[in-house]
mmCIF file of all heavy atoms, coordinates in Angstrom:
data_MODEL
# 
_entry.id   MODEL 
# 
loop_
_atom_site.group_PDB 
_atom_site.id 
_atom_site.type_symbol 
_atom_site.label_atom_id 
_atom_site.label_alt_id 
_atom_site.label_comp_id 
_atom_site.label_asym_id 
_atom_site.label_entity_id 
_atom_site.label_seq_id 
_atom_site.pdbx_PDB_ins_code 
_atom_site.Cartn_x 
_atom_site.Cartn_y 
_atom_site.Cartn_z 
_atom_site.occupancy 
_atom_site.B_iso_or_equiv 
_atom_site.pdbx_formal_charge 
_atom_site.auth_seq_id 
_atom_site.auth_comp_id 
_atom_site.auth_asym_id 
_atom_site.auth_atom_id 
_atom_site.pdbx_PDB_model_num 
ATOM 1   N N   . LYS A 1 1  ? -35.666 -33.450 -50.079 1.00 0.00 ? 1  LYS A N   1 
ATOM 2   C CA  . LYS A 1 1  ? -36.286 -33.464 -51.410 1.00 0.00 ? 1  LYS A CA  1 
ATOM 3   C C   . LYS A 1 1  ? -37.708 -32.855 -51.339 1.00 0.00 ? 1  LYS A C   1 
ATOM 4   O O   . LYS A 1 1  ? -38.353 -32.856 -50.277 1.00 0.00 ? 1  LYS A O   1 
ATOM 5   C CB  . LYS A 1 1  ? -36.381 -34.869 -51.972 1.00 0.00 ? 1  LYS A CB  1 
ATOM 6   C CG  . LYS A 1 1  ? -34.910 -35.375 -52.214 1.00 0.00 ? 1  LYS A CG  1 
ATOM 7   C CD  . LYS A 1 1  ? -35.046 -36.777 -52.941 1.00 0.00 ? 1  LYS A CD  1 
ATOM 8   C CE  . LYS A 1 1  ? -33.632 -37.297 -53.268 1.00 0.00 ? 1  LYS A CE  1 
ATOM 9   N NZ  . LYS A 1 1  ? -33.736 -38.585 -53.935 1.00 0.00 ? 1  LYS A NZ  1 
ATOM 10  N N   . ASN A 1 2  ? -38.205 -32.425 -52.469 1.00 0.00 ? 2  ASN A N   1 
ATOM 11  C CA  . ASN A 1 2  ? -39.504 -31.728 -52.616 1.00 0.00 ? 2  ASN A CA  1 
ATOM 12  C C   . ASN A 1 2  ? -40.733 -32.678 -52.238 1.00 0.00 ? 2  ASN A C   1 
ATOM 13  O O   . ASN A 1 2  ? -41.664 -32.260 -51.661 1.00 0.00 ? 2  ASN A O   1 
ATOM 14  C CB  . ASN A 1 2  ? -39.748 -31.217 -54.014 1.00 0.00 ? 2  ASN A CB  1 
ATOM 15  C CG  . ASN A 1 2  ? -39.105 -29.841 -54.229 1.00 0.00 ? 2  ASN A CG  1 
ATOM 16  O OD1 . ASN A 1 2  ? -39.355 -28.882 -53.419 1.00 0.00 ? 2  ASN A OD1 1 
ATOM 17  N ND2 . ASN A 1 2  ? -38.341 -29.724 -55.228 1.00 0.00 ? 2  ASN A ND2 1 
ATOM 18  N N   . ASP A 1 3  ? -40.566 -33.955 -52.641 1.00 0.00 ? 3  ASP A N   1 
ATOM 19  C CA  . ASP A 1 3  ? -41.714 -34.840 -52.416 1.00 0.00 ? 3  ASP A CA  1 
ATOM 20  C C   . ASP A 1 3  ? -42.082 -35.011 -50.969 1.00 0.00 ? 3  ASP A C   1 
ATOM 21  O O   . ASP A 1 3  ? -43.223 -35.007 -50.556 1.00 0.00 ? 3  ASP A O   1 
ATOM 22  C CB  . ASP A 1 3  ? -41.490 -36.189 -53.117 1.00 0.00 ? 3  ASP A CB  1 
ATOM 23  C CG  . ASP A 1 3  ? -40.244 -36.829 -52.693 1.00 0.00 ? 3  ASP A CG  1 
ATOM 24  O OD1 . ASP A 1 3  ? -39.443 -36.244 -51.956 1.00 0.00 ? 3  ASP A OD1 1 
ATOM 25  O OD2 . ASP A 1 3  ? -39.985 -38.029 -53.057 1.00 0.00 ? 3  ASP A OD2 1 
ATOM 26  N N   . ALA A 1 4  ? -40.997 -35.083 -50.112 1.00 0.00 ? 4  ALA A N   1 
ATOM 27  C CA  . ALA A 1 4  ? -41.238 -35.207 -48.619 1.00 0.00 ? 4  ALA A CA  1 
ATOM 28  C C   . ALA A 1 4  ? -41.811 -33.911 -48.112 1.00 0.00 ? 4  ALA A C   1 
ATOM 29  O O   . ALA A 1 4  ? -42.737 -33.908 -47.280 1.00 0.00 ? 4  ALA A O   1 
ATOM 30  C CB  . ALA A 1 4  ? -39.974 -35.534 -47.975 1.00 0.00 ? 4  ALA A CB  1 
ATOM 31  N N   . ALA A 1 5  ? -41.327 -32.764 -48.654 1.00 0.00 ? 5  ALA A N   1 
ATOM 32  C CA  . ALA A 1 5  ? -41.877 -31.444 -48.176 1.00 0.00 ? 5  ALA A CA  1 
ATOM 33  C C   . ALA A 1 5  ? -43.323 -31.302 -48.507 1.00 0.00 ? 5  ALA A C   1 
ATOM 34  O O   . ALA A 1 5  ? -44.120 -30.825 -47.663 1.00 0.00 ? 5  ALA A O   1 
ATOM 35  C CB  . ALA A 1 5  ? -41.057 -30.357 -48.788 1.00 0.00 ? 5  ALA A CB  1 
ATOM 36  N N   . LEU A 1 6  ? -43.773 -31.702 -49.658 1.00 0.00 ? 6  LEU A N   1 
ATOM 37  C CA  . LEU A 1 6  ? -45.138 -31.622 -50.055 1.00 0.00 ? 6  LEU A CA  1 
ATOM 38  C C   . LEU A 1 6  ? -45.983 -32.448 -49.187 1.00 0.00 ? 6  LEU A C   1 
ATOM 39  O O   . LEU A 1 6  ? -47.108 -32.049 -48.735 1.00 0.00 ? 6  LEU A O   1 
ATOM 40  C CB  . LEU A 1 6  ? -45.334 -32.030 -51.477 1.00 0.00 ? 6  LEU A CB  1 
ATOM 41  C CG  . LEU A 1 6  ? -44.734 -31.152 -52.530 1.00 0.00 ? 6  LEU A CG  1 
ATOM 42  C CD1 . LEU A 1 6  ? -44.744 -31.765 -53.968 1.00 0.00 ? 6  LEU A CD1 1 
ATOM 43  C CD2 . LEU A 1 6  ? -45.496 -29.753 -52.645 1.00 0.00 ? 6  LEU A CD2 1 
ATOM 44  N N   . THR A 1 7  ? -45.617 -33.665 -48.854 1.00 0.00 ? 7  THR A N   1 
ATOM 45  C CA  . THR A 1 7  ? -46.336 -34.621 -47.972 1.00 0.00 ? 7  THR A CA  1 
ATOM 46  C C   . THR A 1 7  ? -46.451 -34.036 -46.581 1.00 0.00 ? 7  THR A C   1 
ATOM 47  O O   . THR A 1 7  ? -47.599 -34.016 -46.002 1.00 0.00 ? 7  THR A O   1 
ATOM 48  C CB  . THR A 1 7  ? -45.670 -35.956 -47.909 1.00 0.00 ? 7  THR A CB  1 
ATOM 49  O OG1 . THR A 1 7  ? -45.602 -36.555 -49.277 1.00 0.00 ? 7  THR A OG1 1 
ATOM 50  C CG2 . THR A 1 7  ? -46.450 -36.941 -47.063 1.00 0.00 ? 7  THR A CG2 1 
ATOM 51  N N   . LEU A 1 8  ? -45.361 -33.512 -46.062 1.00 0.00 ? 8  LEU A N   1 
ATOM 52  C CA  . LEU A 1 8  ? -45.393 -32.963 -44.695 1.00 0.00 ? 8  LEU A CA  1 
ATOM 53  C C   . LEU A 1 8  ? -46.303 -31.733 -44.644 1.00 0.00 ? 8  LEU A C   1 
ATOM 54  O O   . LEU A 1 8  ? -47.069 -31.514 -43.669 1.00 0.00 ? 8  LEU A O   1 
ATOM 55  C CB  . LEU A 1 8  ? -44.018 -32.610 -44.232 1.00 0.00 ? 8  LEU A CB  1 
ATOM 56  C CG  . LEU A 1 8  ? -43.011 -33.735 -43.962 1.00 0.00 ? 8  LEU A CG  1 
ATOM 57  C CD1 . LEU A 1 8  ? -41.632 -33.217 -43.764 1.00 0.00 ? 8  LEU A CD1 1 
ATOM 58  C CD2 . LEU A 1 8  ? -43.476 -34.603 -42.760 1.00 0.00 ? 8  LEU A CD2 1 
ATOM 59  N N   . ASN A 1 9  ? -46.229 -30.895 -45.625 1.00 0.00 ? 9  ASN A N   1 
ATOM 60  C CA  . ASN A 1 9  ? -47.108 -29.684 -45.653 1.00 0.00 ? 9  ASN A CA  1 
ATOM 61  C C   . ASN A 1 9  ? -48.548 -30.044 -45.632 1.00 0.00 ? 9  ASN A C   1 
ATOM 62  O O   . ASN A 1 9  ? -49.376 -29.299 -44.941 1.00 0.00 ? 9  ASN A O   1 
ATOM 63  C CB  . ASN A 1 9  ? -46.783 -28.854 -46.923 1.00 0.00 ? 9  ASN A CB  1 
ATOM 64  C CG  . ASN A 1 9  ? -45.609 -27.910 -46.665 1.00 0.00 ? 9  ASN A CG  1 
ATOM 65  O OD1 . ASN A 1 9  ? -45.413 -27.356 -45.649 1.00 0.00 ? 9  ASN A OD1 1 
ATOM 66  N ND2 . ASN A 1 9  ? -44.700 -27.785 -47.681 1.00 0.00 ? 9  ASN A ND2 1 
ATOM 67  N N   . ASN A 1 10 ? -48.954 -31.029 -46.440 1.00 0.00 ? 10 ASN A N   1 
ATOM 68  C CA  . ASN A 1 10 ? -50.366 -31.431 -46.379 1.00 0.00 ? 10 ASN A CA  1 
ATOM 69  C C   . ASN A 1 10 ? -50.779 -31.967 -44.999 1.00 0.00 ? 10 ASN A C   1 
ATOM 70  O O   . ASN A 1 10 ? -51.940 -31.737 -44.531 1.00 0.00 ? 10 ASN A O   1 
ATOM 71  C CB  . ASN A 1 10 ? -50.633 -32.481 -47.461 1.00 0.00 ? 10 ASN A CB  1 
ATOM 72  C CG  . ASN A 1 10 ? -50.579 -31.875 -48.861 1.00 0.00 ? 10 ASN A CG  1 
ATOM 73  O OD1 . ASN A 1 10 ? -50.894 -30.706 -49.021 1.00 0.00 ? 10 ASN A OD1 1 
ATOM 74  N ND2 . ASN A 1 10 ? -50.145 -32.658 -49.824 1.00 0.00 ? 10 ASN A ND2 1 
ATOM 75  N N   . LEU A 1 11 ? -49.939 -32.663 -44.316 1.00 0.00 ? 11 LEU A N   1 
ATOM 76  C CA  . LEU A 1 11 ? -50.253 -33.177 -43.020 1.00 0.00 ? 11 LEU A CA  1 
ATOM 77  C C   . LEU A 1 11 ? -50.396 -32.080 -42.039 1.00 0.00 ? 11 LEU A C   1 
ATOM 78  O O   . LEU A 1 11 ? -51.285 -32.061 -41.139 1.00 0.00 ? 11 LEU A O   1 
ATOM 79  C CB  . LEU A 1 11 ? -49.123 -34.168 -42.497 1.00 0.00 ? 11 LEU A CB  1 
ATOM 80  C CG  . LEU A 1 11 ? -49.031 -35.574 -43.233 1.00 0.00 ? 11 LEU A CG  1 
ATOM 81  C CD1 . LEU A 1 11 ? -47.783 -36.312 -42.740 1.00 0.00 ? 11 LEU A CD1 1 
ATOM 82  C CD2 . LEU A 1 11 ? -50.330 -36.366 -43.022 1.00 0.00 ? 11 LEU A CD2 1 
ATOM 83  N N   . ILE A 1 12 ? -49.504 -31.018 -42.029 1.00 0.00 ? 12 ILE A N   1 
ATOM 84  C CA  . ILE A 1 12 ? -49.469 -29.980 -41.077 1.00 0.00 ? 12 ILE A CA  1 
ATOM 85  C C   . ILE A 1 12 ? -50.718 -29.013 -41.399 1.00 0.00 ? 12 ILE A C   1 
ATOM 86  O O   . ILE A 1 12 ? -51.331 -28.578 -40.449 1.00 0.00 ? 12 ILE A O   1 
ATOM 87  C CB  . ILE A 1 12 ? -48.223 -29.138 -41.149 1.00 0.00 ? 12 ILE A CB  1 
ATOM 88  C CG1 . ILE A 1 12 ? -47.002 -30.095 -40.845 1.00 0.00 ? 12 ILE A CG1 1 
ATOM 89  C CG2 . ILE A 1 12 ? -48.228 -27.910 -40.305 1.00 0.00 ? 12 ILE A CG2 1 
ATOM 90  C CD1 . ILE A 1 12 ? -45.663 -29.493 -41.186 1.00 0.00 ? 12 ILE A CD1 1 
ATOM 91  N N   . LEU A 1 13 ? -51.062 -28.834 -42.627 1.00 0.00 ? 13 LEU A N   1 
ATOM 92  C CA  . LEU A 1 13 ? -52.259 -28.037 -42.993 1.00 0.00 ? 13 LEU A CA  1 
ATOM 93  C C   . LEU A 1 13 ? -53.524 -28.584 -42.355 1.00 0.00 ? 13 LEU A C   1 
ATOM 94  O O   . LEU A 1 13 ? -54.399 -27.805 -41.985 1.00 0.00 ? 13 LEU A O   1 
ATOM 95  C CB  . LEU A 1 13 ? -52.436 -27.980 -44.518 1.00 0.00 ? 13 LEU A CB  1 
ATOM 96  C CG  . LEU A 1 13 ? -53.511 -26.993 -44.983 1.00 0.00 ? 13 LEU A CG  1 
ATOM 97  C CD1 . LEU A 1 13 ? -53.008 -25.586 -44.727 1.00 0.00 ? 13 LEU A CD1 1 
ATOM 98  C CD2 . LEU A 1 13 ? -53.662 -27.147 -46.517 1.00 0.00 ? 13 LEU A CD2 1 
ATOM 99  N N   . GLU A 1 14 ? -53.655 -29.874 -42.225 1.00 0.00 ? 14 GLU A N   1 
ATOM 100 C CA  . GLU A 1 14 ? -54.771 -30.547 -41.632 1.00 0.00 ? 14 GLU A CA  1 
ATOM 101 C C   . GLU A 1 14 ? -54.980 -30.126 -40.158 1.00 0.00 ? 14 GLU A C   1 
ATOM 102 O O   . GLU A 1 14 ? -56.064 -30.231 -39.614 1.00 0.00 ? 14 GLU A O   1 
ATOM 103 C CB  . GLU A 1 14 ? -54.722 -32.052 -41.761 1.00 0.00 ? 14 GLU A CB  1 
ATOM 104 C CG  . GLU A 1 14 ? -54.848 -32.566 -43.226 1.00 0.00 ? 14 GLU A CG  1 
ATOM 105 C CD  . GLU A 1 14 ? -56.061 -32.091 -43.898 1.00 0.00 ? 14 GLU A CD  1 
ATOM 106 O OE1 . GLU A 1 14 ? -57.160 -32.102 -43.286 1.00 0.00 ? 14 GLU A OE1 1 
ATOM 107 O OE2 . GLU A 1 14 ? -56.022 -31.665 -45.056 1.00 0.00 ? 14 GLU A OE2 1 
ATOM 108 N N   . LYS A 1 15 ? -53.889 -29.655 -39.499 1.00 0.00 ? 15 LYS A N   1 
ATOM 109 C CA  . LYS A 1 15 ? -54.011 -29.302 -38.085 1.00 0.00 ? 15 LYS A CA  1 
ATOM 110 C C   . LYS A 1 15 ? -54.594 -27.928 -37.894 1.00 0.00 ? 15 LYS A C   1 
ATOM 111 O O   . LYS A 1 15 ? -54.910 -27.555 -36.774 1.00 0.00 ? 15 LYS A O   1 
ATOM 112 C CB  . LYS A 1 15 ? -52.459 -29.297 -37.469 1.00 0.00 ? 15 LYS A CB  1 
ATOM 113 C CG  . LYS A 1 15 ? -51.882 -30.683 -37.469 1.00 0.00 ? 15 LYS A CG  1 
ATOM 114 C CD  . LYS A 1 15 ? -50.425 -30.627 -37.121 1.00 0.00 ? 15 LYS A CD  1 
ATOM 115 C CE  . LYS A 1 15 ? -50.196 -30.207 -35.687 1.00 0.00 ? 15 LYS A CE  1 
ATOM 116 N NZ  . LYS A 1 15 ? -50.554 -31.223 -34.732 1.00 0.00 ? 15 LYS A NZ  1 
ATOM 117 N N   . ILE A 1 16 ? -54.774 -27.110 -38.935 1.00 0.00 ? 16 ILE A N   1 
ATOM 118 C CA  . ILE A 1 16 ? -55.396 -25.842 -38.936 1.00 0.00 ? 16 ILE A CA  1 
ATOM 119 C C   . ILE A 1 16 ? -56.904 -26.068 -39.052 1.00 0.00 ? 16 ILE A C   1 
ATOM 120 O O   . ILE A 1 16 ? -57.387 -26.673 -39.967 1.00 0.00 ? 16 ILE A O   1 
ATOM 121 C CB  . ILE A 1 16 ? -54.954 -24.889 -39.993 1.00 0.00 ? 16 ILE A CB  1 
ATOM 122 C CG1 . ILE A 1 16 ? -53.441 -24.718 -39.936 1.00 0.00 ? 16 ILE A CG1 1 
ATOM 123 C CG2 . ILE A 1 16 ? -55.641 -23.559 -39.900 1.00 0.00 ? 16 ILE A CG2 1 
ATOM 124 C CD1 . ILE A 1 16 ? -52.843 -23.816 -41.009 1.00 0.00 ? 16 ILE A CD1 1 
ATOM 125 N N   . PRO A 1 17 ? -57.731 -25.598 -38.046 1.00 0.00 ? 17 PRO A N   1 
ATOM 126 C CA  . PRO A 1 17 ? -59.134 -25.901 -38.026 1.00 0.00 ? 17 PRO A CA  1 
ATOM 127 C C   . PRO A 1 17 ? -59.912 -25.166 -39.122 1.00 0.00 ? 17 PRO A C   1 
ATOM 128 O O   . PRO A 1 17 ? -61.057 -25.441 -39.405 1.00 0.00 ? 17 PRO A O   1 
ATOM 129 C CB  . PRO A 1 17 ? -59.616 -25.425 -36.670 1.00 0.00 ? 17 PRO A CB  1 
ATOM 130 C CG  . PRO A 1 17 ? -58.594 -24.407 -36.279 1.00 0.00 ? 17 PRO A CG  1 
ATOM 131 C CD  . PRO A 1 17 ? -57.259 -24.820 -36.817 1.00 0.00 ? 17 PRO A CD  1 
ATOM 132 N N   . ALA A 1 18 ? -59.392 -24.135 -39.779 1.00 0.00 ? 18 ALA A N   1 
ATOM 133 C CA  . ALA A 1 18 ? -60.129 -23.350 -40.819 1.00 0.00 ? 18 ALA A CA  1 
ATOM 134 C C   . ALA A 1 18 ? -60.443 -24.247 -42.023 1.00 0.00 ? 18 ALA A C   1 
ATOM 135 O O   . ALA A 1 18 ? -59.668 -25.147 -42.313 1.00 0.00 ? 18 ALA A O   1 
ATOM 136 C CB  . ALA A 1 18 ? -59.306 -22.129 -41.227 1.00 0.00 ? 18 ALA A CB  1 
ATOM 137 N N   . PRO A 1 19 ? -61.529 -23.888 -42.734 1.00 0.00 ? 19 PRO A N   1 
ATOM 138 C CA  . PRO A 1 19 ? -61.819 -24.671 -43.966 1.00 0.00 ? 19 PRO A CA  1 
ATOM 139 C C   . PRO A 1 19 ? -60.828 -24.387 -45.071 1.00 0.00 ? 19 PRO A C   1 
ATOM 140 O O   . PRO A 1 19 ? -60.333 -23.246 -45.182 1.00 0.00 ? 19 PRO A O   1 
ATOM 141 C CB  . PRO A 1 19 ? -63.234 -24.128 -44.362 1.00 0.00 ? 19 PRO A CB  1 
ATOM 142 C CG  . PRO A 1 19 ? -63.267 -22.829 -43.713 1.00 0.00 ? 19 PRO A CG  1 
ATOM 143 C CD  . PRO A 1 19 ? -62.564 -22.877 -42.446 1.00 0.00 ? 19 PRO A CD  1 
ATOM 144 N N   . PRO A 1 20 ? -60.577 -25.351 -45.952 1.00 0.00 ? 20 PRO A N   1 
ATOM 145 C CA  . PRO A 1 20 ? -59.538 -25.162 -46.972 1.00 0.00 ? 20 PRO A CA  1 
ATOM 146 C C   . PRO A 1 20 ? -60.134 -24.499 -48.258 1.00 0.00 ? 20 PRO A C   1 
ATOM 147 O O   . PRO A 1 20 ? -61.339 -24.631 -48.460 1.00 0.00 ? 20 PRO A O   1 
ATOM 148 C CB  . PRO A 1 20 ? -59.034 -26.543 -47.318 1.00 0.00 ? 20 PRO A CB  1 
ATOM 149 C CG  . PRO A 1 20 ? -60.290 -27.442 -46.998 1.00 0.00 ? 20 PRO A CG  1 
ATOM 150 C CD  . PRO A 1 20 ? -60.997 -26.763 -45.840 1.00 0.00 ? 20 PRO A CD  1 
ATOM 151 N N   . LYS A 1 21 ? -59.323 -23.826 -48.901 1.00 0.00 ? 21 LYS A N   1 
ATOM 152 C CA  . LYS A 1 21 ? -59.662 -23.324 -50.319 1.00 0.00 ? 21 LYS A CA  1 
ATOM 153 C C   . LYS A 1 21 ? -58.760 -24.025 -51.253 1.00 0.00 ? 21 LYS A C   1 
ATOM 154 O O   . LYS A 1 21 ? -57.535 -24.088 -51.052 1.00 0.00 ? 21 LYS A O   1 
ATOM 155 C CB  . LYS A 1 21 ? -59.414 -21.781 -50.329 1.00 0.00 ? 21 LYS A CB  1 
ATOM 156 C CG  . LYS A 1 21 ? -59.620 -21.179 -51.702 1.00 0.00 ? 21 LYS A CG  1 
ATOM 157 C CD  . LYS A 1 21 ? -61.111 -20.931 -51.999 1.00 0.00 ? 21 LYS A CD  1 
ATOM 158 C CE  . LYS A 1 21 ? -61.236 -20.203 -53.257 1.00 0.00 ? 21 LYS A CE  1 
ATOM 159 N NZ  . LYS A 1 21 ? -62.680 -19.989 -53.600 1.00 0.00 ? 21 LYS A NZ  1 
ATOM 160 N N   . ILE A 1 22 ? -59.383 -24.616 -52.298 1.00 0.00 ? 22 ILE A N   1 
ATOM 161 C CA  . ILE A 1 22 ? -58.544 -25.396 -53.297 1.00 0.00 ? 22 ILE A CA  1 
ATOM 162 C C   . ILE A 1 22 ? -58.583 -24.707 -54.584 1.00 0.00 ? 22 ILE A C   1 
ATOM 163 O O   . ILE A 1 22 ? -59.577 -24.302 -55.137 1.00 0.00 ? 22 ILE A O   1 
ATOM 164 C CB  . ILE A 1 22 ? -59.227 -26.787 -53.375 1.00 0.00 ? 22 ILE A CB  1 
ATOM 165 C CG1 . ILE A 1 22 ? -59.203 -27.556 -52.082 1.00 0.00 ? 22 ILE A CG1 1 
ATOM 166 C CG2 . ILE A 1 22 ? -58.439 -27.591 -54.455 1.00 0.00 ? 22 ILE A CG2 1 
ATOM 167 C CD1 . ILE A 1 22 ? -59.848 -28.992 -52.097 1.00 0.00 ? 22 ILE A CD1 1 
ATOM 168 N N   . TYR A 1 23 ? -57.293 -24.520 -55.066 1.00 0.00 ? 23 TYR A N   1 
ATOM 169 C CA  . TYR A 1 23 ? -57.156 -23.843 -56.385 1.00 0.00 ? 23 TYR A CA  1 
ATOM 170 C C   . TYR A 1 23 ? -56.530 -24.940 -57.408 1.00 0.00 ? 23 TYR A C   1 
ATOM 171 O O   . TYR A 1 23 ? -55.516 -25.564 -57.051 1.00 0.00 ? 23 TYR A O   1 
ATOM 172 C CB  . TYR A 1 23 ? -56.179 -22.725 -56.290 1.00 0.00 ? 23 TYR A CB  1 
ATOM 173 C CG  . TYR A 1 23 ? -56.630 -21.579 -55.401 1.00 0.00 ? 23 TYR A CG  1 
ATOM 174 C CD1 . TYR A 1 23 ? -56.187 -21.438 -54.158 1.00 0.00 ? 23 TYR A CD1 1 
ATOM 175 C CD2 . TYR A 1 23 ? -57.510 -20.631 -55.892 1.00 0.00 ? 23 TYR A CD2 1 
ATOM 176 C CE1 . TYR A 1 23 ? -56.604 -20.386 -53.272 1.00 0.00 ? 23 TYR A CE1 1 
ATOM 177 C CE2 . TYR A 1 23 ? -57.944 -19.577 -55.061 1.00 0.00 ? 23 TYR A CE2 1 
ATOM 178 C CZ  . TYR A 1 23 ? -57.458 -19.440 -53.791 1.00 0.00 ? 23 TYR A CZ  1 
ATOM 179 O OH  . TYR A 1 23 ? -57.878 -18.438 -53.002 1.00 0.00 ? 23 TYR A OH  1 
ATOM 180 N N   . HIS A 1 24 ? -57.168 -25.079 -58.526 1.00 0.00 ? 24 HIS A N   1 
ATOM 181 C CA  . HIS A 1 24 ? -56.644 -25.971 -59.566 1.00 0.00 ? 24 HIS A CA  1 
ATOM 182 C C   . HIS A 1 24 ? -55.933 -25.185 -60.677 1.00 0.00 ? 24 HIS A C   1 
ATOM 183 O O   . HIS A 1 24 ? -56.439 -24.101 -61.099 1.00 0.00 ? 24 HIS A O   1 
ATOM 184 C CB  . HIS A 1 24 ? -57.739 -26.834 -60.161 1.00 0.00 ? 24 HIS A CB  1 
ATOM 185 C CG  . HIS A 1 24 ? -58.388 -27.832 -59.230 1.00 0.00 ? 24 HIS A CG  1 
ATOM 186 N ND1 . HIS A 1 24 ? -59.410 -27.470 -58.331 1.00 0.00 ? 24 HIS A ND1 1 
ATOM 187 C CD2 . HIS A 1 24 ? -58.084 -29.146 -59.033 1.00 0.00 ? 24 HIS A CD2 1 
ATOM 188 C CE1 . HIS A 1 24 ? -59.724 -28.553 -57.652 1.00 0.00 ? 24 HIS A CE1 1 
ATOM 189 N NE2 . HIS A 1 24 ? -58.972 -29.570 -58.011 1.00 0.00 ? 24 HIS A NE2 1 
ATOM 190 N N   . SER A 1 25 ? -54.868 -25.668 -61.082 1.00 0.00 ? 25 SER A N   1 
ATOM 191 C CA  . SER A 1 25 ? -54.039 -24.971 -62.073 1.00 0.00 ? 25 SER A CA  1 
ATOM 192 C C   . SER A 1 25 ? -54.558 -25.343 -63.457 1.00 0.00 ? 25 SER A C   1 
ATOM 193 O O   . SER A 1 25 ? -55.344 -26.270 -63.684 1.00 0.00 ? 25 SER A O   1 
ATOM 194 C CB  . SER A 1 25 ? -52.549 -25.323 -61.990 1.00 0.00 ? 25 SER A CB  1 
ATOM 195 O OG  . SER A 1 25 ? -52.373 -26.625 -62.411 1.00 0.00 ? 25 SER A OG  1 
ATOM 196 N N   . SER A 1 26 ? -54.177 -24.512 -64.436 1.00 0.00 ? 26 SER A N   1 
ATOM 197 C CA  . SER A 1 26 ? -54.398 -24.808 -65.881 1.00 0.00 ? 26 SER A CA  1 
ATOM 198 C C   . SER A 1 26 ? -53.004 -25.049 -66.470 1.00 0.00 ? 26 SER A C   1 
ATOM 199 O O   . SER A 1 26 ? -52.151 -24.270 -66.486 1.00 0.00 ? 26 SER A O   1 
ATOM 200 C CB  . SER A 1 26 ? -55.030 -23.546 -66.563 1.00 0.00 ? 26 SER A CB  1 
ATOM 201 O OG  . SER A 1 26 ? -55.157 -23.783 -67.944 1.00 0.00 ? 26 SER A OG  1 
# 
């Protein structure tokens, strides 16, 4: 399911040392 994929992706992204860029939708 999508909800688990979204959670896992956020955890894995934290392992990348680069600073994040955040985009908010309209």
